[in-house]
Amino acid sequence: METLLVSLILACGVWAVIASVLIARHLEKHGVAVSVLWLRVMILKYLGQYRKVTLEETGRVGPLFYHYVVPLNVALALVIILVVRALG
């Protein structure tokens, strides 16, 4: 069971990394300067910019916003489950 949880946590991490790279690409296409070297540190800033750009563009938050936020929340829940199982 622990192996499954760890695998799911890693999959969520990969999903979030891919989403962050796609967010950076989307912002670059819309004229926002994005530093790939600082992507991990600045992702929350870029996430906010992506949200703003897509809201102005379509009136809705773009799907990549959720493709970044949801897997991180799922990974957090899985980590909590993993810790509780290890302690219990």
C-alpha atoms as a PDB file:
ATOM      1  CA  MET A   1       0.000   0.000   0.000  1.00  0.00           C
ATOM      2  CA  GLU A   2       2.849   2.375   0.818  1.00  0.00           C
ATOM      3  CA  THR A   3       4.371   1.767  -2.605  1.00  0.00           C
ATOM      4  CA  LEU A   4       1.102   2.733  -4.260  1.00  0.00           C
ATOM      5  CA  LEU A   5       0.835   5.925  -2.206  1.00  0.00           C
ATOM      6  CA  VAL A   6       4.415   6.930  -2.962  1.00  0.00           C
ATOM      7  CA  SER A   7       3.869   6.215  -6.662  1.00  0.00           C
ATOM      8  CA  LEU A   8       0.754   8.387  -6.683  1.00  0.00           C
ATOM      9  CA  ILE A   9       2.592  11.180  -4.873  1.00  0.00           C
ATOM     10  CA  LEU A  10       5.381  11.060  -7.462  1.00  0.00           C
ATOM     11  CA  ALA A  11       2.848  11.041 -10.305  1.00  0.00           C
ATOM     12  CA  CYS A  12       1.188  14.137  -8.821  1.00  0.00           C
ATOM     13  CA  GLY A  13       4.591  15.829  -8.662  1.00  0.00           C
ATOM     14  CA  VAL A  14       5.316  15.065 -12.295  1.00  0.00           C
ATOM     15  CA  TRP A  15       1.837  16.281 -13.254  1.00  0.00           C
ATOM     16  CA  ALA A  16       2.441  19.608 -11.441  1.00  0.00           C
ATOM     17  CA  VAL A  17       5.885  20.062 -13.020  1.00  0.00           C
ATOM     18  CA  ILE A  18       4.483  19.508 -16.501  1.00  0.00           C
ATOM     19  CA  ALA A  19       1.666  21.964 -15.772  1.00  0.00           C
ATOM     20  CA  SER A  20       4.159  24.584 -14.561  1.00  0.00           C
ATOM     21  CA  VAL A  21       6.207  24.277 -17.755  1.00  0.00           C
ATOM     22  CA  LEU A  22       3.037  24.619 -19.847  1.00  0.00           C
ATOM     23  CA  ILE A  23       2.032  27.679 -17.810  1.00  0.00           C
ATOM     24  CA  ALA A  24       5.442  29.229 -18.502  1.00  0.00           C
ATOM     25  CA  ARG A  25       5.051  28.531 -22.233  1.00  0.00           C
ATOM     26  CA  HIS A  26       1.579  30.076 -22.253  1.00  0.00           C
ATOM     27  CA  LEU A  27       2.841  33.202 -20.507  1.00  0.00           C
ATOM     28  CA  GLU A  28       5.761  33.536 -22.911  1.00  0.00           C
ATOM     29  CA  LYS A  29       3.348  33.376 -25.847  1.00  0.00           C
ATOM     30  CA  HIS A  30       1.468  36.277 -24.268  1.00  0.00           C
ATOM     31  CA  GLY A  31       4.554  38.440 -23.863  1.00  0.00           C
ATOM     32  CA  VAL A  32       5.320  37.775 -20.205  1.00  0.00           C
ATOM     33  CA  ALA A  33       9.002  37.277 -19.448  1.00  0.00           C
ATOM     34  CA  VAL A  34       9.500  33.923 -17.731  1.00  0.00           C
ATOM     35  CA  SER A  35      12.776  32.749 -16.225  1.00  0.00           C
ATOM     36  CA  VAL A  36      13.117  29.008 -16.638  1.00  0.00           C
ATOM     37  CA  LEU A  37      15.964  28.978 -14.096  1.00  0.00           C
ATOM     38  CA  TRP A  38      13.697  30.517 -11.453  1.00  0.00           C
ATOM     39  CA  LEU A  39      10.546  28.624 -12.446  1.00  0.00           C
ATOM     40  CA  ARG A  40      10.398  26.546  -9.254  1.00  0.00           C
ATOM     41  CA  VAL A  41      10.823  29.611  -7.050  1.00  0.00           C
ATOM     42  CA  MET A  42       8.590  31.951  -9.035  1.00  0.00           C
ATOM     43  CA  ILE A  43       5.790  29.534  -9.965  1.00  0.00           C
ATOM     44  CA  LEU A  44       3.290  31.155  -7.599  1.00  0.00           C
ATOM     45  CA  LYS A  45       3.898  34.526  -9.284  1.00  0.00           C
ATOM     46  CA  TYR A  46       3.562  32.920 -12.709  1.00  0.00           C
ATOM     47  CA  LEU A  47       0.446  31.077 -11.580  1.00  0.00           C
ATOM     48  CA  GLY A  48      -1.151  34.385 -10.626  1.00  0.00           C
ATOM     49  CA  GLN A  49      -0.112  35.943 -13.921  1.00  0.00           C
ATOM     50  CA  TYR A  50      -1.518  32.958 -15.822  1.00  0.00           C
ATOM     51  CA  ARG A  51      -4.791  33.298 -13.945  1.00  0.00           C
ATOM     52  CA  LYS A  52      -4.956  37.004 -14.763  1.00  0.00           C
ATOM     53  CA  VAL A  53      -4.078  36.520 -18.449  1.00  0.00           C
ATOM     54  CA  THR A  54      -6.630  33.764 -18.984  1.00  0.00           C
ATOM     55  CA  LEU A  55      -9.350  35.657 -17.106  1.00  0.00           C
ATOM     56  CA  GLU A  56      -8.781  38.690 -19.345  1.00  0.00           C
ATOM     57  CA  GLU A  57      -8.625  36.490 -22.439  1.00  0.00           C
ATOM     58  CA  THR A  58     -11.626  34.227 -21.938  1.00  0.00           C
ATOM     59  CA  GLY A  59     -13.399  35.395 -18.803  1.00  0.00           C
ATOM     60  CA  ARG A  60     -12.482  32.144 -17.055  1.00  0.00           C
ATOM     61  CA  VAL A  61      -9.426  30.810 -15.313  1.00  0.00           C
ATOM     62  CA  GLY A  62      -7.424  28.618 -17.680  1.00  0.00           C
ATOM     63  CA  PRO A  63      -7.292  24.855 -17.142  1.00  0.00           C
ATOM     64  CA  LEU A  64      -3.558  24.770 -16.444  1.00  0.00           C
ATOM     65  CA  PHE A  65      -4.226  26.644 -13.202  1.00  0.00           C
ATOM     66  CA  TYR A  66      -6.178  23.662 -11.943  1.00  0.00           C
ATOM     67  CA  HIS A  67      -3.709  21.206 -13.490  1.00  0.00           C
ATOM     68  CA  TYR A  68      -1.119  22.735 -11.177  1.00  0.00           C
ATOM     69  CA  VAL A  69      -3.175  23.237  -8.002  1.00  0.00           C
ATOM     70  CA  VAL A  70      -5.145  19.975  -7.932  1.00  0.00           C
ATOM     71  CA  PRO A  71      -2.224  17.504  -8.088  1.00  0.00           C
ATOM     72  CA  LEU A  72      -0.380  19.387  -5.352  1.00  0.00           C
ATOM     73  CA  ASN A  73      -3.418  19.188  -3.092  1.00  0.00           C
ATOM     74  CA  VAL A  74      -3.891  15.504  -3.910  1.00  0.00           C
ATOM     75  CA  ALA A  75      -0.204  14.876  -3.176  1.00  0.00           C
ATOM     76  CA  LEU A  76      -0.551  16.676   0.157  1.00  0.00           C
ATOM     77  CA  ALA A  77      -3.555  14.529   1.084  1.00  0.00           C
ATOM     78  CA  LEU A  78      -1.665  11.380   0.074  1.00  0.00           C
ATOM     79  CA  VAL A  79       1.351  12.383   2.153  1.00  0.00           C
ATOM     80  CA  ILE A  80      -0.914  12.894   5.166  1.00  0.00           C
ATOM     81  CA  ILE A  81      -2.469   9.468   4.589  1.00  0.00           C
ATOM     82  CA  LEU A  82       0.982   7.918   4.262  1.00  0.00           C
ATOM     83  CA  VAL A  83       2.178   9.512   7.515  1.00  0.00           C
ATOM     84  CA  VAL A  84      -0.960   8.489   9.406  1.00  0.00           C
ATOM     85  CA  ARG A  85      -0.596   4.896   8.156  1.00  0.00           C
ATOM     86  CA  ALA A  86       3.084   4.870   9.177  1.00  0.00           C
ATOM     87  CA  LEU A  87       2.310   6.161  12.660  1.00  0.00           C
ATOM     88  CA  GLY A  88      -0.738   3.987  13.202  1.00  0.00           C
END
